[in-house]
């Protein structure tokens, strides 16, 4: 079966160290590029199979973030055509332009893995593709958090005032930091403690 990057897989007995592979039993291939998180698991899979699985999981995650950032970018791009846009002061217009730039940057970062896959298709570089796509996704999430917080800042500034806008934007950033950074780190810490 085609792996999507030029490799092919034989029967399970051939790739798991069975009779057709000349090995006595299941073998575990490890590499520095497998499992983006770097943690080994108990699956009996080759490095290529692990890279395929990691790539599929990463694509599922990217689909969610891509939809969100595309909707947000579309919203920002339509704002100048709204009647109240002319009422924005210079500071608010500057914030808006910064948000447009960040939103386009987030879109580029989160869609880049798809372009990478097209260019590296059948080049036998799946593990490098997974590693690069993971880094792009991480940076893209940081930029996306800034875009969302900045959008909250702009909306609250227009509707309520600058003081409430700063509080709301900081609150959004704290929320993202807790859910996207602190929570995963805490889960990793608990998992390591349970393994000891």
N, C-alpha and C. Protein backbone atom coordinates (compact mmCIF):
# COMPACT_ATOMS: atom_id res chain seq x y z
N UNK A 1 0.85 -1.20 0.00
CA UNK A 1 0.00 0.00 0.00
C UNK A 1 0.88 1.23 0.00
N UNK A 2 0.49 2.30 -0.73
CA UNK A 2 1.27 3.51 -0.84
C UNK A 2 1.22 4.26 0.47
N UNK A 3 2.36 4.72 0.95
CA UNK A 3 2.41 5.45 2.21
C UNK A 3 2.21 6.94 2.02
N UNK A 4 2.15 7.41 0.81
CA UNK A 4 1.94 8.82 0.56
C UNK A 4 3.22 9.59 0.34
N UNK A 5 4.40 8.98 0.60
CA UNK A 5 5.63 9.70 0.34
C UNK A 5 6.61 8.86 -0.45
N UNK A 6 6.08 7.90 -1.22
CA UNK A 6 6.92 7.15 -2.12
C UNK A 6 7.25 5.77 -1.65
N UNK A 7 6.95 5.45 -0.37
CA UNK A 7 7.26 4.13 0.13
C UNK A 7 6.10 3.20 -0.07
N UNK A 8 6.33 1.92 0.09
CA UNK A 8 5.26 0.96 0.00
C UNK A 8 5.39 -0.01 1.14
N UNK A 9 4.27 -0.56 1.56
CA UNK A 9 4.26 -1.48 2.66
C UNK A 9 3.90 -2.86 2.17
N UNK A 10 4.56 -3.83 2.69
CA UNK A 10 4.22 -5.21 2.39
C UNK A 10 3.26 -5.73 3.41
N UNK A 11 3.06 -7.07 3.41
CA UNK A 11 2.18 -7.67 4.39
C UNK A 11 2.70 -7.42 5.78
N UNK A 12 1.79 -7.62 6.77
CA UNK A 12 2.15 -7.36 8.15
C UNK A 12 3.32 -8.20 8.60
N UNK A 13 3.41 -9.44 8.07
CA UNK A 13 4.50 -10.31 8.48
C UNK A 13 5.85 -9.79 8.01
N UNK A 14 5.86 -9.04 6.91
CA UNK A 14 7.12 -8.54 6.37
C UNK A 14 7.60 -7.30 7.09
N UNK A 15 6.70 -6.50 7.66
CA UNK A 15 7.13 -5.27 8.27
C UNK A 15 7.13 -5.33 9.79
N UNK A 16 6.72 -6.44 10.37
CA UNK A 16 6.72 -6.53 11.82
C UNK A 16 7.72 -7.55 12.32
N UNK A 17 8.63 -7.97 11.45
CA UNK A 17 9.64 -8.92 11.88
C UNK A 17 9.16 -10.34 11.86
N UNK A 18 8.12 -10.65 11.06
CA UNK A 18 7.55 -11.98 11.00
C UNK A 18 8.39 -12.86 10.11
N UNK A 19 7.84 -14.01 9.70
CA UNK A 19 8.59 -14.97 8.90
C UNK A 19 9.15 -14.37 7.63
N UNK A 20 8.38 -13.48 6.98
CA UNK A 20 8.84 -12.94 5.70
C UNK A 20 9.95 -11.93 5.85
N UNK A 21 10.19 -11.44 7.10
CA UNK A 21 11.20 -10.41 7.29
C UNK A 21 12.51 -10.98 7.77
N UNK A 22 12.52 -12.26 8.10
CA UNK A 22 13.75 -12.89 8.53
C UNK A 22 14.08 -12.61 9.98
N UNK A 23 13.15 -12.03 10.74
CA UNK A 23 13.40 -11.73 12.14
C UNK A 23 12.63 -12.66 13.03
N UNK A 24 13.06 -12.82 14.27
CA UNK A 24 12.41 -13.75 15.18
C UNK A 24 11.10 -13.24 15.73
N UNK A 25 10.88 -11.97 15.72
CA UNK A 25 9.64 -11.46 16.31
C UNK A 25 9.48 -9.99 16.00
N UNK A 26 8.49 -9.33 16.64
CA UNK A 26 8.26 -7.91 16.38
C UNK A 26 9.49 -7.09 16.69
N UNK A 27 9.76 -6.11 15.83
CA UNK A 27 10.90 -5.25 16.09
C UNK A 27 10.40 -3.83 16.25
N UNK A 28 11.14 -3.02 16.98
CA UNK A 28 10.76 -1.64 17.23
C UNK A 28 11.80 -0.73 16.63
N UNK A 29 11.40 0.07 15.64
CA UNK A 29 12.33 1.03 15.05
C UNK A 29 12.11 2.37 15.71
N UNK A 30 13.17 2.95 16.21
CA UNK A 30 13.08 4.26 16.83
C UNK A 30 13.97 5.22 16.06
N UNK A 31 13.59 6.46 16.01
CA UNK A 31 14.45 7.46 15.40
C UNK A 31 14.21 8.77 16.09
N UNK A 32 15.12 9.72 15.88
CA UNK A 32 14.98 11.01 16.53
C UNK A 32 13.80 11.78 16.00
N UNK A 33 13.29 11.41 14.83
CA UNK A 33 12.19 12.17 14.25
C UNK A 33 10.83 11.58 14.52
N UNK A 34 10.76 10.36 15.11
CA UNK A 34 9.45 9.76 15.30
C UNK A 34 8.81 10.31 16.55
N UNK A 35 7.46 10.34 16.50
CA UNK A 35 6.64 10.89 17.57
C UNK A 35 7.14 12.27 17.94
N UNK A 36 6.43 13.26 17.42
CA UNK A 36 6.84 14.64 17.58
C UNK A 36 7.08 14.98 19.03
N UNK A 37 6.29 14.39 19.93
CA UNK A 37 6.46 14.67 21.35
C UNK A 37 7.70 14.00 21.90
N UNK A 38 8.25 13.03 21.17
CA UNK A 38 9.47 12.38 21.59
C UNK A 38 9.26 11.22 22.53
N UNK A 39 8.02 10.88 22.81
CA UNK A 39 7.75 9.82 23.77
C UNK A 39 7.49 8.52 23.03
N UNK A 40 8.10 7.45 23.51
CA UNK A 40 7.89 6.14 22.91
C UNK A 40 6.57 5.58 23.38
N UNK A 41 5.96 4.73 22.57
CA UNK A 41 4.74 4.06 23.00
C UNK A 41 4.90 2.58 22.74
N UNK A 42 3.84 1.84 23.03
CA UNK A 42 3.93 0.38 22.97
C UNK A 42 3.48 -0.18 21.63
N UNK A 43 3.21 0.69 20.64
CA UNK A 43 2.76 0.19 19.35
C UNK A 43 3.90 -0.54 18.63
N UNK A 44 3.56 -1.64 17.98
CA UNK A 44 4.54 -2.38 17.19
C UNK A 44 4.50 -1.83 15.76
N UNK A 45 5.23 -0.74 15.53
CA UNK A 45 5.20 -0.11 14.22
C UNK A 45 6.60 0.36 13.85
N UNK A 46 6.84 0.41 12.56
CA UNK A 46 8.13 0.88 12.08
C UNK A 46 8.19 2.41 12.16
N UNK A 47 9.38 2.96 11.91
CA UNK A 47 9.53 4.41 11.93
C UNK A 47 8.67 5.05 10.86
N UNK A 48 8.56 4.40 9.68
CA UNK A 48 7.74 4.94 8.61
C UNK A 48 6.26 4.93 8.98
N UNK A 49 5.82 3.86 9.62
CA UNK A 49 4.42 3.77 10.04
C UNK A 49 4.11 4.80 11.11
N UNK A 50 5.06 5.02 12.01
CA UNK A 50 4.84 6.02 13.05
C UNK A 50 4.77 7.42 12.43
N UNK A 51 5.62 7.69 11.45
CA UNK A 51 5.59 8.98 10.78
C UNK A 51 4.25 9.19 10.06
N UNK A 52 3.74 8.13 9.41
CA UNK A 52 2.44 8.21 8.75
C UNK A 52 1.34 8.52 9.75
N UNK A 53 1.39 7.84 10.90
CA UNK A 53 0.36 8.06 11.93
C UNK A 53 0.45 9.48 12.49
N UNK A 54 1.67 9.93 12.79
CA UNK A 54 1.84 11.29 13.31
C UNK A 54 1.36 12.33 12.31
N UNK A 55 1.63 12.08 11.03
CA UNK A 55 1.20 13.03 10.00
C UNK A 55 -0.32 13.08 9.92
N UNK A 56 -0.98 11.93 9.98
CA UNK A 56 -2.44 11.89 9.92
C UNK A 56 -3.04 12.61 11.13
N UNK A 57 -2.47 12.41 12.31
CA UNK A 57 -2.97 13.08 13.51
C UNK A 57 -2.76 14.58 13.43
N UNK A 58 -1.61 14.99 12.91
CA UNK A 58 -1.32 16.42 12.77
C UNK A 58 -2.28 17.08 11.80
N UNK A 59 -2.61 16.39 10.71
CA UNK A 59 -3.56 16.95 9.74
C UNK A 59 -4.92 17.17 10.36
N UNK A 60 -5.37 16.23 11.21
CA UNK A 60 -6.66 16.38 11.88
C UNK A 60 -6.65 17.63 12.77
N UNK A 61 -5.56 17.86 13.49
CA UNK A 61 -5.46 19.04 14.34
C UNK A 61 -5.45 20.32 13.50
N UNK A 62 -4.72 20.28 12.39
CA UNK A 62 -4.62 21.46 11.55
C UNK A 62 -5.95 21.83 10.92
N UNK A 63 -6.78 20.84 10.62
CA UNK A 63 -8.08 21.14 10.01
C UNK A 63 -8.91 22.03 10.93
N UNK A 64 -8.85 21.77 12.23
CA UNK A 64 -9.61 22.57 13.19
C UNK A 64 -9.08 24.00 13.23
N UNK A 65 -7.77 24.15 13.37
CA UNK A 65 -7.19 25.49 13.48
C UNK A 65 -7.28 26.25 12.17
N UNK A 66 -7.13 25.56 11.05
CA UNK A 66 -7.23 26.24 9.75
C UNK A 66 -8.60 26.84 9.55
N UNK A 67 -9.64 26.11 9.92
CA UNK A 67 -10.99 26.64 9.76
C UNK A 67 -11.18 27.88 10.61
N UNK A 68 -10.70 27.83 11.86
CA UNK A 68 -10.85 28.97 12.75
C UNK A 68 -10.11 30.20 12.26
N UNK A 69 -8.87 30.03 11.84
CA UNK A 69 -8.09 31.18 11.41
C UNK A 69 -8.61 31.73 10.09
N UNK A 70 -9.15 30.89 9.23
CA UNK A 70 -9.71 31.37 7.97
C UNK A 70 -10.97 32.20 8.21
N UNK A 71 -11.80 31.75 9.14
CA UNK A 71 -13.00 32.52 9.48
C UNK A 71 -12.61 33.86 10.08
N UNK A 72 -11.63 33.84 10.99
CA UNK A 72 -11.19 35.08 11.63
C UNK A 72 -10.57 36.04 10.61
N UNK A 73 -9.77 35.51 9.71
CA UNK A 73 -9.17 36.35 8.67
C UNK A 73 -10.23 36.96 7.77
N UNK A 74 -11.21 36.15 7.39
CA UNK A 74 -12.30 36.67 6.57
C UNK A 74 -13.06 37.78 7.27
N UNK A 75 -13.29 37.61 8.58
CA UNK A 75 -13.97 38.64 9.36
C UNK A 75 -13.17 39.94 9.36
N UNK A 76 -11.88 39.84 9.58
CA UNK A 76 -11.04 41.04 9.61
C UNK A 76 -10.98 41.73 8.26
N UNK A 77 -10.93 40.95 7.19
CA UNK A 77 -10.82 41.55 5.86
C UNK A 77 -12.09 42.27 5.43
N UNK A 78 -13.22 41.92 6.03
CA UNK A 78 -14.48 42.59 5.66
C UNK A 78 -14.75 43.85 6.49
N UNK A 79 -14.00 44.04 7.58
CA UNK A 79 -14.27 45.18 8.46
C UNK A 79 -14.20 46.54 7.77
N UNK A 80 -13.22 46.79 6.88
CA UNK A 80 -13.16 48.12 6.25
C UNK A 80 -14.40 48.47 5.44
N UNK A 81 -15.19 47.48 5.07
CA UNK A 81 -16.38 47.73 4.26
C UNK A 81 -17.62 47.93 5.12
N UNK A 82 -17.45 47.91 6.45
CA UNK A 82 -18.56 48.18 7.35
C UNK A 82 -18.69 49.68 7.59
N UNK A 83 -19.91 50.13 7.85
CA UNK A 83 -20.15 51.56 7.99
C UNK A 83 -19.39 52.17 9.17
N UNK A 84 -19.31 51.45 10.29
CA UNK A 84 -18.69 52.01 11.50
C UNK A 84 -17.17 52.01 11.43
N UNK A 85 -16.58 51.42 10.42
CA UNK A 85 -15.13 51.37 10.34
C UNK A 85 -14.54 52.78 10.24
N UNK A 86 -15.26 53.69 9.60
CA UNK A 86 -14.79 55.06 9.48
C UNK A 86 -14.73 55.80 10.80
N UNK A 87 -15.39 55.26 11.84
CA UNK A 87 -15.39 55.90 13.16
C UNK A 87 -14.17 55.51 14.00
N UNK A 88 -13.36 54.57 13.54
CA UNK A 88 -12.19 54.16 14.30
C UNK A 88 -11.15 55.28 14.34
N UNK A 89 -10.51 55.44 15.50
CA UNK A 89 -9.44 56.44 15.59
C UNK A 89 -8.13 55.83 15.07
N UNK A 90 -7.08 56.63 15.11
CA UNK A 90 -5.80 56.18 14.54
C UNK A 90 -5.25 54.96 15.27
N UNK A 91 -5.38 54.95 16.59
CA UNK A 91 -4.88 53.80 17.37
C UNK A 91 -5.63 52.53 17.00
N UNK A 92 -6.93 52.63 16.89
CA UNK A 92 -7.74 51.46 16.54
C UNK A 92 -7.43 50.97 15.13
N UNK A 93 -7.19 51.89 14.23
CA UNK A 93 -6.83 51.49 12.86
C UNK A 93 -5.47 50.79 12.83
N UNK A 94 -4.54 51.28 13.65
CA UNK A 94 -3.23 50.63 13.73
C UNK A 94 -3.36 49.22 14.28
N UNK A 95 -4.17 49.07 15.32
CA UNK A 95 -4.41 47.73 15.89
C UNK A 95 -5.02 46.82 14.83
N UNK A 96 -5.96 47.37 14.08
CA UNK A 96 -6.62 46.57 13.05
C UNK A 96 -5.62 46.09 11.99
N UNK A 97 -4.76 46.99 11.52
CA UNK A 97 -3.79 46.61 10.49
C UNK A 97 -2.81 45.57 11.02
N UNK A 98 -2.40 45.70 12.29
CA UNK A 98 -1.53 44.69 12.89
C UNK A 98 -2.23 43.34 12.94
N UNK A 99 -3.52 43.36 13.25
CA UNK A 99 -4.28 42.11 13.30
C UNK A 99 -4.39 41.46 11.93
N UNK A 100 -4.56 42.26 10.90
CA UNK A 100 -4.63 41.70 9.54
C UNK A 100 -3.31 41.02 9.19
N UNK A 101 -2.20 41.68 9.50
CA UNK A 101 -0.88 41.10 9.21
C UNK A 101 -0.69 39.80 9.98
N UNK A 102 -1.02 39.81 11.27
CA UNK A 102 -0.87 38.60 12.09
C UNK A 102 -1.79 37.48 11.62
N UNK A 103 -2.99 37.86 11.21
CA UNK A 103 -3.94 36.85 10.74
C UNK A 103 -3.46 36.18 9.46
N UNK A 104 -2.93 36.98 8.55
CA UNK A 104 -2.38 36.42 7.31
C UNK A 104 -1.17 35.53 7.63
N UNK A 105 -0.35 35.97 8.58
CA UNK A 105 0.81 35.17 8.99
C UNK A 105 0.36 33.83 9.59
N UNK A 106 -0.66 33.87 10.45
CA UNK A 106 -1.17 32.64 11.04
C UNK A 106 -1.71 31.70 9.97
N UNK A 107 -2.42 32.27 9.00
CA UNK A 107 -2.94 31.45 7.90
C UNK A 107 -1.80 30.78 7.14
N UNK A 108 -0.76 31.56 6.84
CA UNK A 108 0.38 31.00 6.12
C UNK A 108 1.06 29.88 6.90
N UNK A 109 1.25 30.07 8.20
CA UNK A 109 1.92 29.07 9.02
C UNK A 109 1.11 27.79 9.13
N UNK A 110 -0.20 27.92 9.29
CA UNK A 110 -1.04 26.74 9.52
C UNK A 110 -1.39 26.00 8.23
N UNK A 111 -1.26 26.69 7.09
CA UNK A 111 -1.52 26.03 5.81
C UNK A 111 -0.22 25.52 5.18
N UNK A 112 0.91 26.03 5.66
CA UNK A 112 2.21 25.65 5.10
C UNK A 112 2.46 24.14 5.09
N UNK A 113 2.05 23.38 6.13
CA UNK A 113 2.28 21.93 6.08
C UNK A 113 1.67 21.25 4.86
N UNK A 114 0.54 21.76 4.39
CA UNK A 114 -0.09 21.18 3.20
C UNK A 114 0.79 21.42 1.98
N UNK A 115 1.33 22.63 1.86
CA UNK A 115 2.23 22.94 0.75
C UNK A 115 3.51 22.11 0.83
N UNK A 116 4.03 21.95 2.06
CA UNK A 116 5.22 21.12 2.24
C UNK A 116 4.97 19.69 1.77
N UNK A 117 3.80 19.17 2.12
CA UNK A 117 3.48 17.80 1.74
C UNK A 117 3.41 17.66 0.22
N UNK A 118 2.85 18.67 -0.44
CA UNK A 118 2.77 18.61 -1.91
C UNK A 118 4.17 18.60 -2.53
N UNK A 119 5.05 19.47 -2.01
CA UNK A 119 6.39 19.59 -2.60
C UNK A 119 7.29 18.41 -2.25
N UNK A 120 7.05 17.80 -1.10
CA UNK A 120 7.89 16.67 -0.66
C UNK A 120 7.24 15.33 -0.92
N UNK A 121 6.13 15.33 -1.67
CA UNK A 121 5.40 14.08 -1.94
C UNK A 121 6.30 13.09 -2.67
N UNK A 122 6.35 11.86 -2.17
CA UNK A 122 7.14 10.77 -2.74
C UNK A 122 8.65 11.06 -2.74
N UNK A 123 9.09 11.88 -1.79
CA UNK A 123 10.53 12.15 -1.67
C UNK A 123 11.15 11.38 -0.50
N UNK A 124 10.37 10.53 0.15
CA UNK A 124 10.85 9.72 1.28
C UNK A 124 11.37 10.60 2.41
N UNK A 125 10.66 11.69 2.69
CA UNK A 125 11.06 12.62 3.75
C UNK A 125 9.93 12.82 4.75
N UNK A 126 9.13 11.78 4.98
CA UNK A 126 7.95 11.93 5.82
C UNK A 126 8.30 12.37 7.25
N UNK A 127 9.35 11.79 7.83
CA UNK A 127 9.69 12.15 9.21
C UNK A 127 10.14 13.61 9.31
N UNK A 128 10.89 14.08 8.33
CA UNK A 128 11.28 15.49 8.31
C UNK A 128 10.05 16.37 8.10
N UNK A 129 9.14 15.91 7.27
CA UNK A 129 7.91 16.65 7.03
C UNK A 129 7.11 16.79 8.31
N UNK A 130 6.99 15.71 9.08
CA UNK A 130 6.24 15.75 10.34
C UNK A 130 6.89 16.72 11.32
N UNK A 131 8.21 16.66 11.43
CA UNK A 131 8.92 17.55 12.36
C UNK A 131 8.75 19.01 11.97
N UNK A 132 8.91 19.32 10.69
CA UNK A 132 8.76 20.70 10.22
C UNK A 132 7.33 21.19 10.38
N UNK A 133 6.36 20.34 10.05
CA UNK A 133 4.95 20.72 10.17
C UNK A 133 4.58 20.96 11.62
N UNK A 134 5.13 20.17 12.52
CA UNK A 134 4.87 20.37 13.95
C UNK A 134 5.36 21.73 14.41
N UNK A 135 6.55 22.11 13.98
CA UNK A 135 7.10 23.42 14.37
C UNK A 135 6.26 24.56 13.80
N UNK A 136 5.86 24.42 12.54
CA UNK A 136 5.02 25.45 11.93
C UNK A 136 3.70 25.58 12.66
N UNK A 137 3.11 24.45 13.05
CA UNK A 137 1.84 24.47 13.77
C UNK A 137 1.98 25.14 15.12
N UNK A 138 3.08 24.87 15.83
CA UNK A 138 3.29 25.49 17.14
C UNK A 138 3.39 27.01 17.01
N UNK A 139 4.19 27.48 16.06
CA UNK A 139 4.32 28.93 15.86
C UNK A 139 2.99 29.52 15.40
N UNK A 140 2.28 28.79 14.53
CA UNK A 140 0.99 29.25 14.06
C UNK A 140 -0.02 29.41 15.18
N UNK A 141 0.00 28.50 16.16
CA UNK A 141 -0.91 28.60 17.30
C UNK A 141 -0.60 29.83 18.15
N UNK A 142 0.69 30.13 18.32
CA UNK A 142 1.07 31.33 19.08
C UNK A 142 0.55 32.58 18.38
N UNK A 143 0.76 32.65 17.07
CA UNK A 143 0.28 33.81 16.31
C UNK A 143 -1.24 33.88 16.34
N UNK A 144 -1.90 32.73 16.25
CA UNK A 144 -3.36 32.71 16.30
C UNK A 144 -3.87 33.24 17.64
N UNK A 145 -3.20 32.88 18.73
CA UNK A 145 -3.58 33.39 20.05
C UNK A 145 -3.46 34.91 20.09
N UNK A 146 -2.40 35.45 19.49
CA UNK A 146 -2.23 36.90 19.44
C UNK A 146 -3.33 37.56 18.61
N UNK A 147 -3.71 36.92 17.50
CA UNK A 147 -4.76 37.48 16.65
C UNK A 147 -6.09 37.52 17.39
N UNK A 148 -6.43 36.43 18.06
CA UNK A 148 -7.70 36.38 18.79
C UNK A 148 -7.71 37.41 19.91
N UNK A 149 -6.62 37.46 20.69
CA UNK A 149 -6.54 38.43 21.78
C UNK A 149 -6.59 39.86 21.24
N UNK A 150 -5.92 40.11 20.12
CA UNK A 150 -5.95 41.43 19.52
C UNK A 150 -7.33 41.80 19.00
N UNK A 151 -8.03 40.83 18.45
CA UNK A 151 -9.40 41.08 17.99
C UNK A 151 -10.31 41.42 19.16
N UNK A 152 -10.14 40.70 20.27
CA UNK A 152 -10.90 41.01 21.49
C UNK A 152 -10.57 42.43 21.95
N UNK A 153 -9.29 42.78 21.90
CA UNK A 153 -8.86 44.13 22.28
C UNK A 153 -9.56 45.19 21.44
N UNK A 154 -9.57 45.00 20.13
CA UNK A 154 -10.18 45.98 19.23
C UNK A 154 -11.68 46.10 19.46
N UNK A 155 -12.36 44.97 19.58
CA UNK A 155 -13.81 44.99 19.75
C UNK A 155 -14.20 45.66 21.06
N UNK A 156 -13.53 45.29 22.16
CA UNK A 156 -13.85 45.90 23.45
C UNK A 156 -13.51 47.38 23.46
N UNK A 157 -12.44 47.76 22.75
CA UNK A 157 -12.07 49.17 22.70
C UNK A 157 -13.13 49.99 21.99
N UNK A 158 -13.68 49.44 20.92
CA UNK A 158 -14.72 50.15 20.16
C UNK A 158 -16.03 50.21 20.94
N UNK A 159 -16.40 49.10 21.57
CA UNK A 159 -17.71 49.00 22.20
C UNK A 159 -17.72 49.57 23.61
N UNK A 160 -16.68 49.30 24.40
CA UNK A 160 -16.68 49.70 25.82
C UNK A 160 -15.67 50.80 26.10
N UNK A 161 -14.40 50.52 25.81
CA UNK A 161 -13.36 51.49 26.11
C UNK A 161 -12.01 50.82 26.25
N UNK A 162 -10.94 51.62 26.30
CA UNK A 162 -9.59 51.04 26.33
C UNK A 162 -9.28 50.22 27.58
N UNK A 163 -9.75 50.64 28.74
CA UNK A 163 -9.45 49.90 29.97
C UNK A 163 -10.03 48.49 29.92
N UNK A 164 -11.30 48.40 29.56
CA UNK A 164 -11.94 47.09 29.45
C UNK A 164 -11.30 46.26 28.34
N UNK A 165 -10.84 46.93 27.29
CA UNK A 165 -10.22 46.22 26.17
C UNK A 165 -8.93 45.54 26.60
N UNK A 166 -8.11 46.24 27.37
CA UNK A 166 -6.85 45.66 27.84
C UNK A 166 -7.12 44.47 28.75
N UNK A 167 -8.08 44.62 29.66
CA UNK A 167 -8.42 43.53 30.58
C UNK A 167 -8.91 42.31 29.81
N UNK A 168 -9.78 42.53 28.83
CA UNK A 168 -10.32 41.42 28.05
C UNK A 168 -9.23 40.73 27.24
N UNK A 169 -8.33 41.50 26.63
CA UNK A 169 -7.26 40.92 25.82
C UNK A 169 -6.29 40.11 26.68
N UNK A 170 -5.92 40.66 27.84
CA UNK A 170 -5.04 39.93 28.75
C UNK A 170 -5.71 38.66 29.23
N UNK A 171 -7.02 38.75 29.53
CA UNK A 171 -7.76 37.56 29.94
C UNK A 171 -7.76 36.48 28.87
N UNK A 172 -7.88 36.89 27.61
CA UNK A 172 -7.85 35.92 26.51
C UNK A 172 -6.49 35.24 26.42
N UNK A 173 -5.42 36.03 26.56
CA UNK A 173 -4.07 35.45 26.50
C UNK A 173 -3.82 34.49 27.65
N UNK A 174 -4.29 34.86 28.85
CA UNK A 174 -4.14 33.97 30.01
C UNK A 174 -4.90 32.67 29.78
N UNK A 175 -6.10 32.78 29.22
CA UNK A 175 -6.89 31.58 28.93
C UNK A 175 -6.16 30.65 27.98
N UNK A 176 -5.61 31.21 26.90
CA UNK A 176 -4.87 30.40 25.94
C UNK A 176 -3.63 29.78 26.58
N UNK A 177 -2.93 30.55 27.42
CA UNK A 177 -1.74 30.03 28.08
C UNK A 177 -2.08 28.86 28.99
N UNK A 178 -3.20 28.96 29.68
CA UNK A 178 -3.61 27.89 30.59
C UNK A 178 -4.02 26.63 29.82
N UNK A 179 -4.84 26.81 28.78
CA UNK A 179 -5.38 25.66 28.06
C UNK A 179 -4.39 25.06 27.08
N UNK A 180 -3.59 25.88 26.44
CA UNK A 180 -2.71 25.39 25.37
C UNK A 180 -1.30 25.05 25.86
N UNK A 181 -0.89 25.60 27.01
CA UNK A 181 0.47 25.36 27.49
C UNK A 181 0.47 24.70 28.87
N UNK A 182 -0.14 25.37 29.85
CA UNK A 182 -0.09 24.87 31.22
C UNK A 182 -0.76 23.51 31.37
N UNK A 183 -1.93 23.34 30.77
CA UNK A 183 -2.64 22.06 30.90
C UNK A 183 -1.86 20.89 30.30
N UNK A 184 -1.36 20.99 29.06
CA UNK A 184 -0.56 19.87 28.53
C UNK A 184 0.68 19.57 29.38
N UNK A 185 1.36 20.63 29.86
CA UNK A 185 2.54 20.40 30.69
C UNK A 185 2.18 19.69 31.99
N UNK A 186 1.04 20.06 32.57
CA UNK A 186 0.60 19.41 33.80
C UNK A 186 0.25 17.95 33.55
N UNK A 187 -0.41 17.66 32.44
CA UNK A 187 -0.73 16.27 32.11
C UNK A 187 0.54 15.45 31.89
N UNK A 188 1.54 16.05 31.24
CA UNK A 188 2.81 15.35 31.05
C UNK A 188 3.50 15.09 32.38
N UNK A 189 3.44 16.07 33.29
CA UNK A 189 4.07 15.90 34.60
C UNK A 189 3.41 14.77 35.37
N UNK A 190 2.08 14.72 35.33
CA UNK A 190 1.37 13.66 36.05
C UNK A 190 1.66 12.29 35.45
N UNK A 191 1.76 12.24 34.12
CA UNK A 191 2.06 10.96 33.47
C UNK A 191 3.45 10.46 33.86
N UNK A 192 4.42 11.38 33.92
CA UNK A 192 5.77 10.97 34.31
C UNK A 192 5.81 10.53 35.76
N UNK A 193 5.04 11.22 36.62
CA UNK A 193 5.00 10.84 38.03
C UNK A 193 4.37 9.46 38.20
N UNK A 194 3.36 9.16 37.39
CA UNK A 194 2.69 7.86 37.48
C UNK A 194 3.59 6.73 37.01
N UNK A 195 4.53 7.03 36.10
CA UNK A 195 5.43 6.00 35.57
C UNK A 195 6.57 5.67 36.52
N UNK A 196 6.77 6.51 37.52
CA UNK A 196 7.89 6.28 38.44
C UNK A 196 7.54 5.24 39.49
